[in-house]
C-alpha atoms as a PDB file:
ATOM      1  CA  MET A   1     143.719  55.337 159.727  1.00  0.00           C
ATOM      2  CA  SER A   2     146.179  54.384 157.094  1.00  0.00           C
ATOM      3  CA  PHE A   3     145.833  55.645 153.440  1.00  0.00           C
ATOM      4  CA  ARG A   4     145.140  52.142 152.206  1.00  0.00           C
ATOM      5  CA  LYS A   5     142.275  51.723 154.661  1.00  0.00           C
ATOM      6  CA  PHE A   6     140.950  55.174 153.639  1.00  0.00           C
ATOM      7  CA  LEU A   7     140.700  54.084 150.021  1.00  0.00           C
ATOM      8  CA  LYS A   8     138.726  51.090 151.120  1.00  0.00           C
ATOM      9  CA  SER A   9     136.381  53.101 153.333  1.00  0.00           C
ATOM     10  CA  LYS A  10     132.775  54.004 152.692  1.00  0.00           C
ATOM     11  CA  VAL A  11     133.505  57.672 153.253  1.00  0.00           C
ATOM     12  CA  PHE A  12     136.014  57.696 150.312  1.00  0.00           C
ATOM     13  CA  TRP A  13     133.654  55.983 147.768  1.00  0.00           C
ATOM     14  CA  LEU A  14     130.678  58.060 148.798  1.00  0.00           C
ATOM     15  CA  ASN A  15     132.748  61.138 148.047  1.00  0.00           C
ATOM     16  CA  VAL A  16     133.858  59.659 144.642  1.00  0.00           C
ATOM     17  CA  ILE A  17     130.353  58.880 143.741  1.00  0.00           C
ATOM     18  CA  LEU A  18     129.093  62.254 144.782  1.00  0.00           C
ATOM     19  CA  ALA A  19     131.878  63.945 142.729  1.00  0.00           C
ATOM     20  CA  VAL A  20     131.008  61.801 139.572  1.00  0.00           C
ATOM     21  CA  VAL A  21     127.200  62.586 140.048  1.00  0.00           C
ATOM     22  CA  LEU A  22     127.869  66.321 140.455  1.00  0.00           C
ATOM     23  CA  THR A  23     130.229  66.196 137.373  1.00  0.00           C
ATOM     24  CA  ILE A  24     127.507  64.693 135.365  1.00  0.00           C
ATOM     25  CA  ILE A  25     124.894  67.151 136.580  1.00  0.00           C
ATOM     26  CA  PHE A  26     127.185  70.015 135.773  1.00  0.00           C
ATOM     27  CA  LEU A  27     127.918  68.785 132.301  1.00  0.00           C
ATOM     28  CA  TRP A  28     124.210  68.106 131.583  1.00  0.00           C
ATOM     29  CA  LEU A  29     123.349  71.568 132.810  1.00  0.00           C
ATOM     30  CA  THR A  30     126.015  73.061 130.671  1.00  0.00           C
ATOM     31  CA  MET A  31     124.792  71.240 127.591  1.00  0.00           C
ATOM     32  CA  TYR A  32     121.229  72.161 128.166  1.00  0.00           C
ATOM     33  CA  ALA A  33     122.077  75.865 128.597  1.00  0.00           C
ATOM     34  CA  LEU A  34     124.110  75.812 125.276  1.00  0.00           C
ATOM     35  CA  SER A  35     121.343  74.115 123.500  1.00  0.00           C
ATOM     36  CA  LYS A  36     118.855  76.755 124.681  1.00  0.00           C
ATOM     37  CA  TYR A  37     121.253  79.569 123.781  1.00  0.00           C
ATOM     38  CA  THR A  38     121.946  78.291 120.229  1.00  0.00           C
ATOM     39  CA  HIS A  39     118.412  76.896 119.636  1.00  0.00           C
ATOM     40  CA  HIS A  40     120.050  73.438 119.144  1.00  0.00           C
ATOM     41  CA  GLY A  41     117.839  71.110 117.074  1.00  0.00           C
ATOM     42  CA  GLU A  42     115.292  73.922 116.238  1.00  0.00           C
ATOM     43  CA  ALA A  43     116.530  74.522 112.634  1.00  0.00           C
ATOM     44  CA  PHE A  44     113.727  74.874 110.056  1.00  0.00           C
ATOM     45  CA  PRO A  45     113.646  75.331 106.299  1.00  0.00           C
ATOM     46  CA  THR A  46     113.796  79.042 105.249  1.00  0.00           C
ATOM     47  CA  PRO A  47     110.217  80.100 104.428  1.00  0.00           C
ATOM     48  CA  ASN A  48     109.460  81.110 100.849  1.00  0.00           C
ATOM     49  CA  LEU A  49     108.811  84.887 100.998  1.00  0.00           C
ATOM     50  CA  THR A  50     109.019  85.662  97.270  1.00  0.00           C
ATOM     51  CA  GLY A  51     105.923  87.358  95.951  1.00  0.00           C
ATOM     52  CA  LEU A  52     104.454  88.108  99.486  1.00  0.00           C
ATOM     53  CA  GLY A  53     103.254  91.617 100.304  1.00  0.00           C
ATOM     54  CA  GLN A  54     104.653  93.383 103.368  1.00  0.00           C
ATOM     55  CA  THR A  55     101.860  92.390 105.721  1.00  0.00           C
ATOM     56  CA  ASP A  56     102.246  88.707 104.763  1.00  0.00           C
ATOM     57  CA  TRP A  57     106.010  88.455 105.069  1.00  0.00           C
ATOM     58  CA  GLU A  58     105.939  90.511 108.312  1.00  0.00           C
ATOM     59  CA  LYS A  59     103.556  87.943 109.796  1.00  0.00           C
ATOM     60  CA  ILE A  60     105.704  85.044 108.806  1.00  0.00           C
ATOM     61  CA  ALA A  61     108.815  86.712 110.188  1.00  0.00           C
ATOM     62  CA  ASN A  62     107.107  87.240 113.520  1.00  0.00           C
ATOM     63  CA  ASP A  63     105.882  83.694 113.700  1.00  0.00           C
ATOM     64  CA  LYS A  64     109.215  82.215 112.759  1.00  0.00           C
ATOM     65  CA  GLN A  65     111.192  84.677 114.966  1.00  0.00           C
ATOM     66  CA  ILE A  66     113.257  85.778 112.066  1.00  0.00           C
ATOM     67  CA  ASP A  67     114.526  89.196 111.009  1.00  0.00           C
ATOM     68  CA  VAL A  68     113.789  90.460 107.483  1.00  0.00           C
ATOM     69  CA  VAL A  69     116.100  93.196 106.283  1.00  0.00           C
ATOM     70  CA  ILE A  70     115.439  95.043 103.007  1.00  0.00           C
ATOM     71  CA  ARG A  71     118.705  95.096 101.088  1.00  0.00           C
ATOM     72  CA  ASP A  72     117.464  96.796  97.876  1.00  0.00           C
ATOM     73  CA  SER A  73     114.388  97.871  96.042  1.00  0.00           C
ATOM     74  CA  VAL A  74     113.845  97.447  92.241  1.00  0.00           C
ATOM     75  CA  TYR A  75     110.969  98.580  90.034  1.00  0.00           C
ATOM     76  CA  ASN A  76     109.393  95.507  88.607  1.00  0.00           C
ATOM     77  CA  THR A  77     105.850  95.425  86.972  1.00  0.00           C
ATOM     78  CA  ASP A  78     105.543  91.711  87.528  1.00  0.00           C
ATOM     79  CA  TYR A  79     105.480  92.255  91.322  1.00  0.00           C
ATOM     80  CA  THR A  80     103.067  94.227  93.618  1.00  0.00           C
ATOM     81  CA  PRO A  81     104.947  97.276  95.131  1.00  0.00           C
ATOM     82  CA  GLY A  82     106.342  96.293  98.443  1.00  0.00           C
ATOM     83  CA  SER A  83     106.354  92.553  97.680  1.00  0.00           C
ATOM     84  CA  ILE A  84     109.575  90.441  97.831  1.00  0.00           C
ATOM     85  CA  ILE A  85     111.302  89.732  94.620  1.00  0.00           C
ATOM     86  CA  GLU A  86     114.285  87.939  95.861  1.00  0.00           C
ATOM     87  CA  GLN A  87     115.556  86.628  99.209  1.00  0.00           C
ATOM     88  CA  MET A  88     118.914  85.352 100.730  1.00  0.00           C
ATOM     89  CA  PRO A  89     119.224  82.596 101.954  1.00  0.00           C
ATOM     90  CA  ARG A  90     116.902  81.075  99.418  1.00  0.00           C
ATOM     91  CA  THR A  91     114.001  78.834 100.169  1.00  0.00           C
ATOM     92  CA  GLY A  92     114.915  75.437 101.568  1.00  0.00           C
ATOM     93  CA  HIS A  93     118.165  76.366 103.395  1.00  0.00           C
ATOM     94  CA  TYR A  94     117.815  75.461 107.201  1.00  0.00           C
ATOM     95  CA  ILE A  95     117.961  78.310 109.507  1.00  0.00           C
ATOM     96  CA  LYS A  96     117.297  78.909 113.196  1.00  0.00           C
ATOM     97  CA  ALA A  97     115.208  81.482 114.998  1.00  0.00           C
ATOM     98  CA  GLY A  98     116.925  84.905 115.158  1.00  0.00           C
ATOM     99  CA  ARG A  99     118.513  84.501 111.660  1.00  0.00           C
ATOM    100  CA  THR A 100     118.430  87.451 109.305  1.00  0.00           C
ATOM    101  CA  ILE A 101     116.995  87.057 105.811  1.00  0.00           C
ATOM    102  CA  TYR A 102     117.982  89.772 103.221  1.00  0.00           C
ATOM    103  CA  VAL A 103     115.446  90.686 100.715  1.00  0.00           C
ATOM    104  CA  THR A 104     114.879  92.739  97.503  1.00  0.00           C
ATOM    105  CA  VAL A 105     111.423  94.297  97.340  1.00  0.00           C
ATOM    106  CA  ALA A 106     109.495  95.782  94.403  1.00  0.00           C
ATOM    107  CA  ALA A 107     109.692  99.560  94.494  1.00  0.00           C
ATOM    108  CA  VAL A 108     106.527 101.615  94.156  1.00  0.00           C
ATOM    109  CA  LYS A 109     107.945 103.836  91.470  1.00  0.00           C
ATOM    110  CA  PRO A 110     110.796 103.195  88.981  1.00  0.00           C
ATOM    111  CA  GLU A 111     114.096 104.889  89.559  1.00  0.00           C
ATOM    112  CA  MET A 112     114.451 108.010  87.376  1.00  0.00           C
ATOM    113  CA  VAL A 113     117.688 108.508  85.352  1.00  0.00           C
ATOM    114  CA  GLN A 114     118.898 111.241  83.155  1.00  0.00           C
ATOM    115  CA  LEU A 115     118.672 110.636  79.411  1.00  0.00           C
ATOM    116  CA  PRO A 116     122.192 111.009  77.898  1.00  0.00           C
ATOM    117  CA  LYS A 117     122.936 112.746  74.576  1.00  0.00           C
ATOM    118  CA  LEU A 118     122.883 110.042  72.009  1.00  0.00           C
ATOM    119  CA  THR A 119     123.197 112.099  68.781  1.00  0.00           C
ATOM    120  CA  ASP A 120     126.436 112.585  66.768  1.00  0.00           C
ATOM    121  CA  VAL A 121     127.771 109.205  67.962  1.00  0.00           C
ATOM    122  CA  SER A 122     127.754 105.895  66.423  1.00  0.00           C
ATOM    123  CA  LEU A 123     124.885 103.485  66.882  1.00  0.00           C
ATOM    124  CA  ARG A 124     127.127 101.139  68.838  1.00  0.00           C
ATOM    125  CA  GLN A 125     128.381 103.855  71.143  1.00  0.00           C
ATOM    126  CA  ALA A 126     124.658 105.074  71.658  1.00  0.00           C
ATOM    127  CA  ARG A 127     123.769 101.591  72.912  1.00  0.00           C
ATOM    128  CA  VAL A 128     126.628 101.553  75.390  1.00  0.00           C
ATOM    129  CA  LEU A 129     125.555 104.957  76.727  1.00  0.00           C
ATOM    130  CA  LEU A 130     122.014 103.776  77.030  1.00  0.00           C
ATOM    131  CA  GLU A 131     122.873 100.583  78.901  1.00  0.00           C
ATOM    132  CA  SER A 132     125.264 102.484  81.245  1.00  0.00           C
ATOM    133  CA  LYS A 133     122.108 104.522  82.342  1.00  0.00           C
ATOM    134  CA  GLY A 134     119.995 101.397  82.727  1.00  0.00           C
ATOM    135  CA  LEU A 135     118.008 102.272  79.586  1.00  0.00           C
ATOM    136  CA  LYS A 136     117.262 100.142  76.709  1.00  0.00           C
ATOM    137  CA  PRO A 137     117.770 100.607  72.980  1.00  0.00           C
ATOM    138  CA  GLY A 138     114.354 100.847  71.317  1.00  0.00           C
ATOM    139  CA  ASP A 139     113.491 100.812  67.590  1.00  0.00           C
ATOM    140  CA  VAL A 140     116.054 101.918  65.176  1.00  0.00           C
ATOM    141  CA  THR A 141     114.982 103.657  61.963  1.00  0.00           C
ATOM    142  CA  TYR A 142     117.341 104.778  59.101  1.00  0.00           C
ATOM    143  CA  ARG A 143     117.378 108.057  57.347  1.00  0.00           C
ATOM    144  CA  PRO A 144     119.446 109.081  54.274  1.00  0.00           C
ATOM    145  CA  SER A 145     122.582 110.751  55.447  1.00  0.00           C
ATOM    146  CA  GLU A 146     126.288 111.258  54.356  1.00  0.00           C
ATOM    147  CA  TYR A 147     127.261 109.859  57.776  1.00  0.00           C
ATOM    148  CA  ASN A 148     126.606 106.135  57.876  1.00  0.00           C
ATOM    149  CA  SER A 149     125.600 104.587  61.307  1.00  0.00           C
ATOM    150  CA  LEU A 150     125.571 107.989  63.011  1.00  0.00           C
ATOM    151  CA  VAL A 151     122.677 108.682  65.443  1.00  0.00           C
ATOM    152  CA  LEU A 152     120.785 111.633  64.085  1.00  0.00           C
ATOM    153  CA  ALA A 153     117.917 111.878  66.562  1.00  0.00           C
ATOM    154  CA  GLN A 154     116.679 110.201  69.818  1.00  0.00           C
ATOM    155  CA  LYS A 155     112.984 109.711  70.541  1.00  0.00           C
ATOM    156  CA  LEU A 156     110.690 108.691  73.313  1.00  0.00           C
ATOM    157  CA  HIS A 157     107.236 107.467  72.438  1.00  0.00           C
ATOM    158  CA  GLY A 158     107.605 108.772  68.960  1.00  0.00           C
ATOM    159  CA  SER A 159     108.602 112.374  69.969  1.00  0.00           C
ATOM    160  CA  SER A 160     111.945 113.944  70.181  1.00  0.00           C
ATOM    161  CA  ALA A 161     113.602 113.442  73.496  1.00  0.00           C
ATOM    162  CA  ASP A 162     116.099 116.078  74.807  1.00  0.00           C
ATOM    163  CA  PRO A 163     119.253 115.077  76.677  1.00  0.00           C
ATOM    164  CA  GLY A 164     118.982 115.502  80.378  1.00  0.00           C
ATOM    165  CA  ILE A 165     115.315 114.858  80.891  1.00  0.00           C
ATOM    166  CA  LEU A 166     114.423 112.305  83.631  1.00  0.00           C
ATOM    167  CA  VAL A 167     112.977 108.945  82.365  1.00  0.00           C
ATOM    168  CA  PRO A 168     112.223 105.765  84.277  1.00  0.00           C
ATOM    169  CA  ARG A 169     115.046 103.254  84.377  1.00  0.00           C
ATOM    170  CA  GLY A 170     114.449 100.471  81.695  1.00  0.00           C
ATOM    171  CA  THR A 171     112.605 102.880  79.254  1.00  0.00           C
ATOM    172  CA  PRO A 172     113.336 102.010  75.633  1.00  0.00           C
ATOM    173  CA  ILE A 173     114.765 104.907  73.599  1.00  0.00           C
ATOM    174  CA  ASP A 174     114.192 104.888  69.897  1.00  0.00           C
ATOM    175  CA  LEU A 175     117.070 106.002  67.572  1.00  0.00           C
ATOM    176  CA  VAL A 176     117.205 107.578  64.035  1.00  0.00           C
ATOM    177  CA  VAL A 177     120.373 106.551  62.317  1.00  0.00           C
ATOM    178  CA  GLY A 178     121.965 107.923  59.247  1.00  0.00           C
ATOM    179  CA  LYS A 179     122.492 105.747  56.132  1.00  0.00           C
ATOM    180  CA  THR A 180     124.499 106.654  53.107  1.00  0.00           C
ATOM    181  CA  MET A 181     122.782 106.704  49.815  1.00  0.00           C
ATOM    182  CA  GLU A 182     125.302 104.224  48.199  1.00  0.00           C
ATOM    183  CA  ASN A 183     123.743 100.834  47.368  1.00  0.00           C
ATOM    184  CA  GLN A 184     125.072  99.150  50.474  1.00  0.00           C
ATOM    185  CA  ARG A 185     123.781  95.606  51.277  1.00  0.00           C
ATOM    186  CA  THR A 186     124.138  93.367  54.198  1.00  0.00           C
ATOM    187  CA  ILE A 187     123.325  89.631  54.961  1.00  0.00           C
ATOM    188  CA  VAL A 188     120.137  88.899  56.751  1.00  0.00           C
ATOM    189  CA  PRO A 189     121.167  86.929  59.881  1.00  0.00           C
ATOM    190  CA  ASP A 190     119.543  83.694  60.948  1.00  0.00           C
ATOM    191  CA  LEU A 191     117.402  84.672  64.038  1.00  0.00           C
ATOM    192  CA  THR A 192     115.867  81.151  64.676  1.00  0.00           C
ATOM    193  CA  GLY A 193     115.791  80.343  68.361  1.00  0.00           C
ATOM    194  CA  TYR A 194     116.476  83.954  69.666  1.00  0.00           C
ATOM    195  CA  THR A 195     114.122  85.980  71.806  1.00  0.00           C
ATOM    196  CA  TYR A 196     112.754  89.278  70.393  1.00  0.00           C
ATOM    197  CA  ASP A 197     115.074  91.509  72.230  1.00  0.00           C
ATOM    198  CA  ALA A 198     118.029  89.272  71.166  1.00  0.00           C
ATOM    199  CA  GLY A 199     116.972  89.243  67.627  1.00  0.00           C
ATOM    200  CA  ARG A 200     116.386  92.961  67.450  1.00  0.00           C
ATOM    201  CA  LYS A 201     119.872  93.601  68.690  1.00  0.00           C
ATOM    202  CA  ILE A 202     121.294  91.288  66.087  1.00  0.00           C
ATOM    203  CA  LEU A 203     119.412  93.018  63.383  1.00  0.00           C
ATOM    204  CA  GLN A 204     120.573  96.466  64.589  1.00  0.00           C
ATOM    205  CA  ASP A 205     124.163  95.272  64.584  1.00  0.00           C
ATOM    206  CA  VAL A 206     123.889  94.654  60.799  1.00  0.00           C
ATOM    207  CA  SER A 207     121.912  97.936  60.144  1.00  0.00           C
ATOM    208  CA  LEU A 208     118.557  96.238  59.731  1.00  0.00           C
ATOM    209  CA  THR A 209     115.284  96.828  61.493  1.00  0.00           C
ATOM    210  CA  VAL A 210     112.332  94.930  62.824  1.00  0.00           C
ATOM    211  CA  GLY A 211     109.267  94.808  60.669  1.00  0.00           C
ATOM    212  CA  ALA A 212     105.981  93.062  61.635  1.00  0.00           C
ATOM    213  CA  VAL A 213     106.130  91.021  64.827  1.00  0.00           C
ATOM    214  CA  ILE A 214     103.638  88.073  64.950  1.00  0.00           C
ATOM    215  CA  TYR A 215     103.146  85.893  68.098  1.00  0.00           C
ATOM    216  CA  SER A 216     101.503  82.514  68.098  1.00  0.00           C
ATOM    217  CA  LYS A 217      98.241  82.173  69.954  1.00  0.00           C
ATOM    218  CA  GLU A 218      99.747  80.363  73.142  1.00  0.00           C
ATOM    219  CA  VAL A 219     101.618  83.694  73.918  1.00  0.00           C
ATOM    220  CA  LYS A 220      99.241  85.461  76.187  1.00  0.00           C
ATOM    221  CA  THR A 221     101.164  87.220  78.947  1.00  0.00           C
ATOM    222  CA  GLU A 222     104.044  89.666  79.162  1.00  0.00           C
ATOM    223  CA  GLU A 223     106.146  86.824  80.486  1.00  0.00           C
ATOM    224  CA  ASP A 224     105.182  84.697  77.549  1.00  0.00           C
ATOM    225  CA  SER A 225     106.248  87.279  75.093  1.00  0.00           C
ATOM    226  CA  THR A 226     109.615  87.643  76.919  1.00  0.00           C
ATOM    227  CA  ASN A 227     110.254  83.941  76.821  1.00  0.00           C
ATOM    228  CA  ALA A 228     108.987  83.499  73.070  1.00  0.00           C
ATOM    229  CA  VAL A 229     111.494  82.632  70.497  1.00  0.00           C
ATOM    230  CA  ILE A 230     111.748  83.371  66.777  1.00  0.00           C
ATOM    231  CA  TRP A 231     110.837  80.399  64.596  1.00  0.00           C
ATOM    232  CA  GLN A 232     110.281  82.101  61.308  1.00  0.00           C
ATOM    233  CA  GLN A 233     111.480  85.276  59.593  1.00  0.00           C
ATOM    234  CA  SER A 234     111.025  87.175  56.348  1.00  0.00           C
ATOM    235  CA  PRO A 235     113.306  87.677  54.408  1.00  0.00           C
ATOM    236  CA  GLN A 236     115.032  84.316  55.463  1.00  0.00           C
ATOM    237  CA  PHE A 237     118.663  83.882  56.159  1.00  0.00           C
ATOM    238  CA  ASN A 238     120.769  83.716  52.876  1.00  0.00           C
ATOM    239  CA  ARG A 239     124.549  83.907  53.158  1.00  0.00           C
ATOM    240  CA  HIS A 240     124.848  84.442  49.367  1.00  0.00           C
ATOM    241  CA  GLU A 241     122.267  87.274  48.806  1.00  0.00           C
ATOM    242  CA  GLY A 242     122.018  90.363  51.027  1.00  0.00           C
ATOM    243  CA  VAL A 243     119.335  93.215  51.304  1.00  0.00           C
ATOM    244  CA  GLU A 244     119.898  96.850  51.514  1.00  0.00           C
ATOM    245  CA  ILE A 245     120.861  98.439  54.733  1.00  0.00           C
ATOM    246  CA  GLY A 246     117.852  99.610  56.750  1.00  0.00           C
ATOM    247  CA  HIS A 247     115.627  96.863  55.346  1.00  0.00           C
ATOM    248  CA  SER A 248     113.007  95.478  57.754  1.00  0.00           C
ATOM    249  CA  VAL A 249     112.681  91.768  58.742  1.00  0.00           C
ATOM    250  CA  ASP A 250     109.351  90.425  59.869  1.00  0.00           C
ATOM    251  CA  LEU A 251     109.436  87.974  62.756  1.00  0.00           C
ATOM    252  CA  TRP A 252     107.330  85.128  63.920  1.00  0.00           C
ATOM    253  CA  LEU A 253     107.579  84.017  67.538  1.00  0.00           C
ATOM    254  CA  LYS A 254     106.252  81.172  69.670  1.00  0.00           C
ATOM    255  CA  LEU A 255     106.930  79.733  73.103  1.00  0.00           C
ATOM    256  CA  PRO A 256     109.778  77.174  73.242  1.00  0.00           C
ATOM    257  CA  VAL A 257     108.884  73.517  73.776  1.00  0.00           C
ATOM    258  CA  ASP A 258     110.148  73.384  77.392  1.00  0.00           C
ATOM    259  CA  SER A 259     107.778  76.362  78.261  1.00  0.00           C
ATOM    260  CA  LEU A 260     104.909  74.575  76.608  1.00  0.00           C
ATOM    261  CA  SER A 261     105.547  71.410  78.717  1.00  0.00           C
ATOM    262  CA  GLY A 262     105.739  73.495  81.819  1.00  0.00           C
ATOM    263  CA  ASN A 263     102.265  75.087  81.073  1.00  0.00           C
ATOM    264  CA  ASP A 264     100.736  71.708  80.489  1.00  0.00           C
ATOM    265  CA  ASN A 265     101.830  70.594  83.975  1.00  0.00           C
END
């Protein structure tokens, strides 16, 4: 049989058709296997694990066939110990089964840190030392001294606190700061719109202290007090007339307008 006749024979075309069919089946099986291996088309939004306790987020992880790895633990009184504070990837990102979600959970106890020596340094340097240890500057009171702005004592809950003791991270440490007897005056800054913590720091920077703190009636929770802003102060801001160093400033705080709108919704 000549080659030309072979090309026109049924045997040749049956072989061609069979080869095409087998190639299609092979490609389909390959794509099917790959889709099963990569879970093609099975992506789903990352579940929201924030705020859930360990039993709850472990159940969701098992149901969704995802791995949850604890990356860090942070002491936070706003969350139940063991519950998730933060997750990555965040809620809404599409993931597939087998993906790992890294989380930060609320620690059972706060991390303990050593209290540094804050005396015999300037108020500004004492703040830096506190923040480097994860502690907070507390109330600042002034005492007559020949050394102006020098830290004379450090206190915890009203009592003297020795350097080296262990305290929970985030603890506010009160400072007693020296003030010369000269008639030194400073301008009362405008604190309108600042939170309490920000306003207190501004006052401390100009050697003033916080006096009475009055919150409006809509401030009910710890989160509200954190978000509240100063809307009135006494004495008021006056760039032409100062007050003596160490003078106290009374503060009135309320929730900002956007927070009130959110509560209404």
